[in-house]
Amino acid sequence: MLKYPLLFLLIAIIAGIFGFAGIVHAAAGIAKVLFVLFVILFIASFFFGRRSKSSGY
């Protein structure tokens, strides 16, 4: 699930090594947004994905 934020983070690091500042900022921004989105989805699935004991599962 965190494959895409890590991919964009890796792109940002590689672009930073080679000195492409514009690509670094864009890829790092995308990685931050995707990471926050996945954390929010994880928390939501943790709370809403649980089943009650009385449901028979």
N, C-alpha and C. Protein backbone atom coordinates (compact mmCIF):
# COMPACT_ATOMS: atom_id res chain seq x y z
N MET A 1 0.83 -1.19 0.00
CA MET A 1 0.00 0.00 0.00
C MET A 1 0.87 1.25 0.00
N LEU A 2 2.00 1.16 0.62
CA LEU A 2 2.88 2.32 0.67
C LEU A 2 3.93 2.27 -0.44
N LYS A 3 3.66 1.50 -1.46
CA LYS A 3 4.62 1.36 -2.55
C LYS A 3 4.77 2.67 -3.33
N TYR A 4 3.68 3.36 -3.62
CA TYR A 4 3.75 4.57 -4.42
C TYR A 4 4.41 5.74 -3.69
N PRO A 5 4.09 6.00 -2.41
CA PRO A 5 4.84 7.08 -1.73
C PRO A 5 6.33 6.79 -1.64
N LEU A 6 6.69 5.52 -1.42
CA LEU A 6 8.11 5.18 -1.37
C LEU A 6 8.76 5.33 -2.74
N LEU A 7 8.02 5.01 -3.80
CA LEU A 7 8.54 5.19 -5.16
C LEU A 7 8.80 6.66 -5.45
N PHE A 8 7.86 7.54 -5.11
CA PHE A 8 8.05 8.96 -5.36
C PHE A 8 9.15 9.54 -4.46
N LEU A 9 9.29 9.01 -3.24
CA LEU A 9 10.39 9.43 -2.38
C LEU A 9 11.72 9.04 -2.99
N LEU A 10 11.82 7.84 -3.53
CA LEU A 10 13.03 7.40 -4.19
C LEU A 10 13.35 8.27 -5.41
N ILE A 11 12.32 8.60 -6.18
CA ILE A 11 12.51 9.49 -7.34
C ILE A 11 13.03 10.85 -6.87
N ALA A 12 12.48 11.36 -5.78
CA ALA A 12 12.92 12.65 -5.26
C ALA A 12 14.38 12.59 -4.80
N ILE A 13 14.77 11.50 -4.16
CA ILE A 13 16.15 11.38 -3.70
C ILE A 13 17.11 11.29 -4.89
N ILE A 14 16.77 10.49 -5.87
CA ILE A 14 17.63 10.35 -7.05
C ILE A 14 17.72 11.67 -7.81
N ALA A 15 16.59 12.36 -7.97
CA ALA A 15 16.62 13.64 -8.66
C ALA A 15 17.41 14.68 -7.86
N GLY A 16 17.36 14.59 -6.53
CA GLY A 16 18.15 15.51 -5.71
C GLY A 16 19.64 15.28 -5.86
N ILE A 17 20.02 14.02 -5.99
CA ILE A 17 21.44 13.70 -6.19
C ILE A 17 21.94 14.30 -7.50
N PHE A 18 21.12 14.24 -8.54
CA PHE A 18 21.53 14.77 -9.83
C PHE A 18 21.25 16.26 -9.99
N GLY A 19 20.60 16.90 -9.03
CA GLY A 19 20.41 18.34 -9.04
C GLY A 19 19.19 18.87 -9.76
N PHE A 20 18.17 18.05 -9.93
CA PHE A 20 16.94 18.50 -10.57
C PHE A 20 15.97 18.98 -9.49
N ALA A 21 16.04 20.26 -9.15
CA ALA A 21 15.28 20.79 -8.02
C ALA A 21 13.76 20.75 -8.25
N GLY A 22 13.32 21.02 -9.45
CA GLY A 22 11.89 21.01 -9.74
C GLY A 22 11.27 19.64 -9.58
N ILE A 23 11.97 18.64 -10.06
CA ILE A 23 11.48 17.27 -9.94
C ILE A 23 11.49 16.83 -8.49
N VAL A 24 12.50 17.27 -7.74
CA VAL A 24 12.57 16.91 -6.32
C VAL A 24 11.36 17.41 -5.57
N HIS A 25 11.01 18.67 -5.79
CA HIS A 25 9.87 19.25 -5.07
C HIS A 25 8.55 18.60 -5.48
N ALA A 26 8.40 18.31 -6.75
CA ALA A 26 7.17 17.69 -7.22
C ALA A 26 7.03 16.26 -6.68
N ALA A 27 8.08 15.47 -6.79
CA ALA A 27 8.01 14.09 -6.33
C ALA A 27 7.87 14.00 -4.82
N ALA A 28 8.55 14.87 -4.09
CA ALA A 28 8.43 14.87 -2.63
C ALA A 28 7.02 15.29 -2.21
N GLY A 29 6.44 16.24 -2.90
CA GLY A 29 5.07 16.66 -2.60
C GLY A 29 4.06 15.55 -2.85
N ILE A 30 4.23 14.85 -3.96
CA ILE A 30 3.33 13.74 -4.27
C ILE A 30 3.49 12.64 -3.22
N ALA A 31 4.73 12.36 -2.82
CA ALA A 31 4.96 11.32 -1.82
C ALA A 31 4.31 11.69 -0.49
N LYS A 32 4.39 12.95 -0.10
CA LYS A 32 3.77 13.38 1.15
C LYS A 32 2.26 13.22 1.10
N VAL A 33 1.66 13.65 0.00
CA VAL A 33 0.20 13.56 -0.14
C VAL A 33 -0.26 12.11 -0.12
N LEU A 34 0.43 11.25 -0.86
CA LEU A 34 0.04 9.84 -0.89
C LEU A 34 0.24 9.17 0.47
N PHE A 35 1.30 9.52 1.17
CA PHE A 35 1.54 8.94 2.49
C PHE A 35 0.43 9.33 3.46
N VAL A 36 0.05 10.59 3.48
CA VAL A 36 -1.03 11.04 4.37
C VAL A 36 -2.35 10.38 3.98
N LEU A 37 -2.61 10.26 2.70
CA LEU A 37 -3.83 9.62 2.24
C LEU A 37 -3.89 8.16 2.69
N PHE A 38 -2.78 7.43 2.55
CA PHE A 38 -2.77 6.04 2.96
C PHE A 38 -2.86 5.88 4.47
N VAL A 39 -2.30 6.80 5.22
CA VAL A 39 -2.43 6.74 6.68
C VAL A 39 -3.88 6.96 7.09
N ILE A 40 -4.55 7.91 6.46
CA ILE A 40 -5.97 8.17 6.76
C ILE A 40 -6.82 6.96 6.39
N LEU A 41 -6.55 6.35 5.24
CA LEU A 41 -7.30 5.16 4.85
C LEU A 41 -7.03 3.98 5.79
N PHE A 42 -5.80 3.85 6.27
CA PHE A 42 -5.49 2.79 7.23
C PHE A 42 -6.26 2.98 8.53
N ILE A 43 -6.28 4.20 9.03
CA ILE A 43 -7.00 4.47 10.29
C ILE A 43 -8.50 4.23 10.10
N ALA A 44 -9.04 4.67 8.97
CA ALA A 44 -10.47 4.46 8.72
C ALA A 44 -10.79 2.98 8.60
N SER A 45 -9.95 2.22 7.92
CA SER A 45 -10.23 0.79 7.80
C SER A 45 -10.03 0.07 9.12
N PHE A 46 -9.17 0.57 9.97
CA PHE A 46 -8.98 -0.04 11.29
C PHE A 46 -10.24 0.11 12.13
N PHE A 47 -10.86 1.30 12.10
CA PHE A 47 -12.04 1.52 12.93
C PHE A 47 -13.31 0.97 12.30
N PHE A 48 -13.49 1.12 11.01
CA PHE A 48 -14.73 0.70 10.37
C PHE A 48 -14.68 -0.72 9.83
N GLY A 49 -13.52 -1.34 9.79
CA GLY A 49 -13.39 -2.68 9.25
C GLY A 49 -13.61 -3.76 10.27
N ARG A 50 -13.69 -3.41 11.55
CA ARG A 50 -13.88 -4.41 12.58
C ARG A 50 -15.33 -4.88 12.60
N ARG A 51 -15.50 -6.13 12.96
CA ARG A 51 -16.85 -6.68 13.08
C ARG A 51 -17.16 -6.91 14.54
N SER A 52 -18.44 -6.80 14.89
CA SER A 52 -18.84 -7.02 16.26
C SER A 52 -18.89 -8.52 16.55
N LYS A 53 -18.80 -8.87 17.82
CA LYS A 53 -18.81 -10.28 18.21
C LYS A 53 -20.17 -10.91 18.00
N SER A 54 -21.23 -10.14 17.99
CA SER A 54 -22.57 -10.69 17.86
C SER A 54 -22.96 -10.97 16.41
N SER A 55 -22.10 -10.64 15.45
CA SER A 55 -22.47 -10.84 14.05
C SER A 55 -22.26 -12.29 13.59
N GLY A 56 -21.64 -13.13 14.41
CA GLY A 56 -21.48 -14.51 14.06
C GLY A 56 -20.18 -14.85 13.36
N TYR A 57 -19.27 -13.92 13.24
CA TYR A 57 -17.98 -14.19 12.57
C TYR A 57 -16.91 -14.45 13.57
